[in-house]
């Protein structure tokens, strides 16, 4: 699971200790915190704002076609899950490519000379150029950009790049407001639990 460890044990540990001392299982409380964290993370995909309050750099797809950054097919946002034990709460994603979006970085080809960057809906609909329906030809623009295009129509479906830099678009983490929301919820829940004991 791709994740960012955020700890505010100073505020949570005393609550867990009180629950344990009262013979109560702290997992439901921690599961509630995890679900709040999951919802806060999903909200970042809606607002496109990271935990520090910075707006995400728009993706090329979002700039060219409209829509939101990191939500082209909704898989990444939909993969956010949460869980808890009696010791900790967690939320995050198991998507392999999540880390590059969270932290940013440079992607380089592993087994080829170029990365094929899809720029049309038809190219985005398949896993890569080898699966593209129809024939593609390698060409070079007057400015030196290598590309894969349909030889009959001249439509460019892929740009060929030596590397692609992905800016960090953090979606995991806690803002001060997120932390306050969790602590407020936790204190209300603890009060109800202790009153019921």
Protein backbone atom coordinates (compact mmCIF):
# COMPACT_ATOMS: atom_id res chain seq x y z
CA UNK A 1 0.00 0.00 0.00
CA UNK A 2 1.37 3.41 -0.92
CA UNK A 3 1.15 5.57 2.12
CA UNK A 4 2.49 8.45 4.06
CA UNK A 5 2.98 7.92 7.75
CA UNK A 6 1.41 10.69 9.79
CA UNK A 7 1.60 10.46 13.53
CA UNK A 8 -0.13 12.48 16.17
CA UNK A 9 0.25 9.93 18.88
CA UNK A 10 0.52 12.59 21.60
CA UNK A 11 -3.19 13.29 21.14
CA UNK A 12 -4.40 9.76 20.29
CA UNK A 13 -2.40 7.57 22.72
CA UNK A 14 -4.05 8.97 25.90
CA UNK A 15 -7.48 8.28 24.39
CA UNK A 16 -6.50 4.70 23.51
CA UNK A 17 -5.09 4.20 27.00
CA UNK A 18 -8.37 5.42 28.56
CA UNK A 19 -10.35 2.99 26.41
CA UNK A 20 -8.06 0.09 27.27
CA UNK A 21 -8.18 0.98 30.98
CA UNK A 22 -11.99 0.92 30.79
CA UNK A 23 -11.85 -2.52 29.14
CA UNK A 24 -13.02 -1.15 25.77
CA UNK A 25 -11.72 -2.20 22.35
CA UNK A 26 -10.07 0.83 20.66
CA UNK A 27 -10.38 -0.63 17.12
CA UNK A 28 -13.83 0.90 16.39
CA UNK A 29 -12.49 4.34 17.35
CA UNK A 30 -9.39 3.89 15.18
CA UNK A 31 -11.49 2.53 12.32
CA UNK A 32 -13.59 5.70 12.52
CA UNK A 33 -10.42 7.81 12.28
CA UNK A 34 -9.26 5.73 9.30
CA UNK A 35 -12.57 6.29 7.52
CA UNK A 36 -12.35 10.03 8.16
CA UNK A 37 -8.83 9.95 6.65
CA UNK A 38 -10.13 7.99 3.65
CA UNK A 39 -12.89 10.55 3.08
CA UNK A 40 -10.47 13.46 3.47
CA UNK A 41 -8.20 11.83 0.88
CA UNK A 42 -11.09 11.33 -1.55
CA UNK A 43 -11.94 15.02 -1.09
CA UNK A 44 -8.47 15.95 -2.39
CA UNK A 45 -9.33 14.35 -5.73
CA UNK A 46 -12.41 16.56 -5.87
CA UNK A 47 -10.68 19.81 -4.87
CA UNK A 48 -7.23 19.05 -6.41
CA UNK A 49 -5.55 20.57 -3.34
CA UNK A 50 -2.79 18.80 -1.40
CA UNK A 51 -2.60 18.51 2.42
CA UNK A 52 -0.51 21.71 2.58
CA UNK A 53 -3.19 23.71 0.79
CA UNK A 54 -1.33 23.84 -2.54
CA UNK A 55 -3.28 23.33 -5.76
CA UNK A 56 -2.07 20.40 -7.86
CA UNK A 57 -0.33 21.22 -11.14
CA UNK A 58 -2.91 20.36 -13.82
CA UNK A 59 -2.14 17.25 -15.83
CA UNK A 60 -1.73 17.53 -19.57
CA UNK A 61 -4.94 15.55 -20.09
CA UNK A 62 -6.93 17.83 -17.79
CA UNK A 63 -5.48 20.93 -19.50
CA UNK A 64 -6.14 19.63 -23.03
CA UNK A 65 -9.49 17.93 -22.52
CA UNK A 66 -10.90 19.38 -19.35
CA UNK A 67 -11.80 17.38 -16.31
CA UNK A 68 -9.78 16.92 -13.15
CA UNK A 69 -6.16 15.96 -12.62
CA UNK A 70 -5.60 12.36 -11.40
CA UNK A 71 -9.22 11.46 -12.09
CA UNK A 72 -9.22 10.52 -15.78
CA UNK A 73 -10.67 7.06 -15.19
CA UNK A 74 -11.30 7.34 -11.43
CA UNK A 75 -9.29 4.22 -10.59
CA UNK A 76 -6.76 5.89 -8.29
CA UNK A 77 -9.37 7.80 -6.26
CA UNK A 78 -11.56 4.69 -6.19
CA UNK A 79 -8.71 2.59 -4.82
CA UNK A 80 -8.43 4.52 -1.54
CA UNK A 81 -9.31 2.22 1.34
CA UNK A 82 -8.98 2.29 5.11
CA UNK A 83 -8.54 -0.14 7.98
CA UNK A 84 -7.47 -0.21 11.62
CA UNK A 85 -6.14 -2.48 14.32
CA UNK A 86 -6.15 -1.88 18.06
CA UNK A 87 -2.84 0.00 17.59
CA UNK A 88 -3.21 2.20 14.52
CA UNK A 89 -5.47 3.58 11.79
CA UNK A 90 -4.43 3.51 8.14
CA UNK A 91 -5.71 4.54 4.74
CA UNK A 92 -4.11 4.60 1.33
CA UNK A 93 -3.98 2.76 -1.97
CA UNK A 94 -2.38 -0.37 -3.35
CA UNK A 95 -2.09 1.05 -6.88
CA UNK A 96 1.48 0.61 -8.12
CA UNK A 97 1.63 4.02 -9.79
CA UNK A 98 0.30 5.97 -6.78
CA UNK A 99 3.76 6.78 -5.41
CA UNK A 100 4.86 8.67 -8.53
CA UNK A 101 1.80 10.91 -8.23
CA UNK A 102 2.19 11.38 -4.47
CA UNK A 103 5.92 12.19 -4.49
CA UNK A 104 6.61 13.11 -8.12
CA UNK A 105 9.62 11.92 -10.08
CA UNK A 106 11.03 11.11 -13.48
CA UNK A 107 9.83 8.11 -15.50
CA UNK A 108 12.28 6.59 -17.99
CA UNK A 109 11.78 3.65 -20.35
CA UNK A 110 12.99 0.31 -19.00
CA UNK A 111 12.93 -1.98 -22.05
CA UNK A 112 12.60 0.51 -24.89
CA UNK A 113 14.27 3.61 -26.24
CA UNK A 114 11.22 5.83 -25.70
CA UNK A 115 8.12 6.13 -23.56
CA UNK A 116 4.94 6.27 -25.64
CA UNK A 117 2.76 9.01 -24.15
CA UNK A 118 -0.86 8.67 -25.34
CA UNK A 119 -2.45 11.92 -26.51
CA UNK A 120 -5.74 10.75 -28.03
CA UNK A 121 -8.74 8.98 -26.52
CA UNK A 122 -8.07 5.98 -28.79
CA UNK A 123 -4.49 5.72 -27.48
CA UNK A 124 -5.60 6.10 -23.84
CA UNK A 125 -8.16 3.32 -24.30
CA UNK A 126 -5.47 0.63 -24.78
CA UNK A 127 -2.50 -0.44 -22.63
CA UNK A 128 0.04 0.79 -25.19
CA UNK A 129 0.95 1.18 -28.88
CA UNK A 130 1.24 -2.59 -29.45
CA UNK A 131 -2.43 -2.91 -28.56
CA UNK A 132 -3.53 0.05 -30.67
CA UNK A 133 -6.23 -0.91 -33.18
CA UNK A 134 -4.71 -0.14 -36.56
CA UNK A 135 -1.28 0.58 -37.93
CA UNK A 136 1.01 3.25 -36.48
CA UNK A 137 4.09 4.77 -38.08
CA UNK A 138 7.06 6.48 -36.42
CA UNK A 139 7.55 10.06 -37.59
CA UNK A 140 9.42 13.17 -36.48
CA UNK A 141 8.02 16.69 -36.41
CA UNK A 142 9.89 19.68 -37.82
CA UNK A 143 10.81 20.60 -34.23
CA UNK A 144 12.35 17.15 -33.67
CA UNK A 145 9.54 15.51 -31.67
CA UNK A 146 9.27 11.77 -32.33
CA UNK A 147 5.73 10.42 -32.49
CA UNK A 148 3.51 7.53 -33.54
CA UNK A 149 0.82 8.44 -36.03
CA UNK A 150 -1.82 6.90 -38.25
CA UNK A 151 -0.20 6.88 -41.72
CA UNK A 152 -3.58 7.20 -43.47
CA UNK A 153 -4.97 10.17 -41.55
CA UNK A 154 -1.79 11.73 -40.16
CA UNK A 155 -3.35 11.83 -36.68
CA UNK A 156 -0.73 11.67 -33.95
CA UNK A 157 -1.70 9.19 -31.22
CA UNK A 158 1.50 9.01 -29.15
CA UNK A 159 4.43 11.28 -28.41
CA UNK A 160 7.72 9.42 -27.93
CA UNK A 161 9.76 10.74 -25.00
CA UNK A 162 13.12 9.80 -23.47
CA UNK A 163 11.67 10.63 -20.05
CA UNK A 164 8.63 12.24 -18.47
CA UNK A 165 8.69 14.29 -15.29
CA UNK A 166 5.66 13.88 -13.06
CA UNK A 167 5.15 16.68 -10.51
CA UNK A 168 4.19 15.73 -6.97
CA UNK A 169 0.44 15.86 -6.45
CA UNK A 170 0.10 14.75 -2.85
CA UNK A 171 -3.25 13.23 -1.99
CA UNK A 172 -2.22 11.38 1.17
CA UNK A 173 -1.43 13.22 4.39
CA UNK A 174 -3.20 15.43 6.88
CA UNK A 175 -3.74 19.15 6.86
CA UNK A 176 -4.11 21.00 10.16
CA UNK A 177 -7.86 21.15 9.46
CA UNK A 178 -7.93 17.37 8.80
CA UNK A 179 -6.15 16.74 12.09
CA UNK A 180 -8.54 19.03 13.99
CA UNK A 181 -11.55 17.27 12.41
CA UNK A 182 -10.20 13.89 13.52
CA UNK A 183 -9.43 15.03 17.06
CA UNK A 184 -12.85 16.67 17.46
CA UNK A 185 -14.60 13.52 16.23
CA UNK A 186 -12.42 11.32 18.45
CA UNK A 187 -13.13 13.37 21.58
CA UNK A 188 -16.91 13.33 20.94
CA UNK A 189 -16.81 9.59 20.32
CA UNK A 190 -14.72 9.00 23.45
CA UNK A 191 -17.16 11.03 25.57
CA UNK A 192 -20.09 8.92 24.32
CA UNK A 193 -18.16 5.66 24.86
CA UNK A 194 -17.17 6.60 28.40
CA UNK A 195 -20.69 7.75 29.28
CA UNK A 196 -22.05 4.43 28.01
CA UNK A 197 -19.58 2.44 30.13
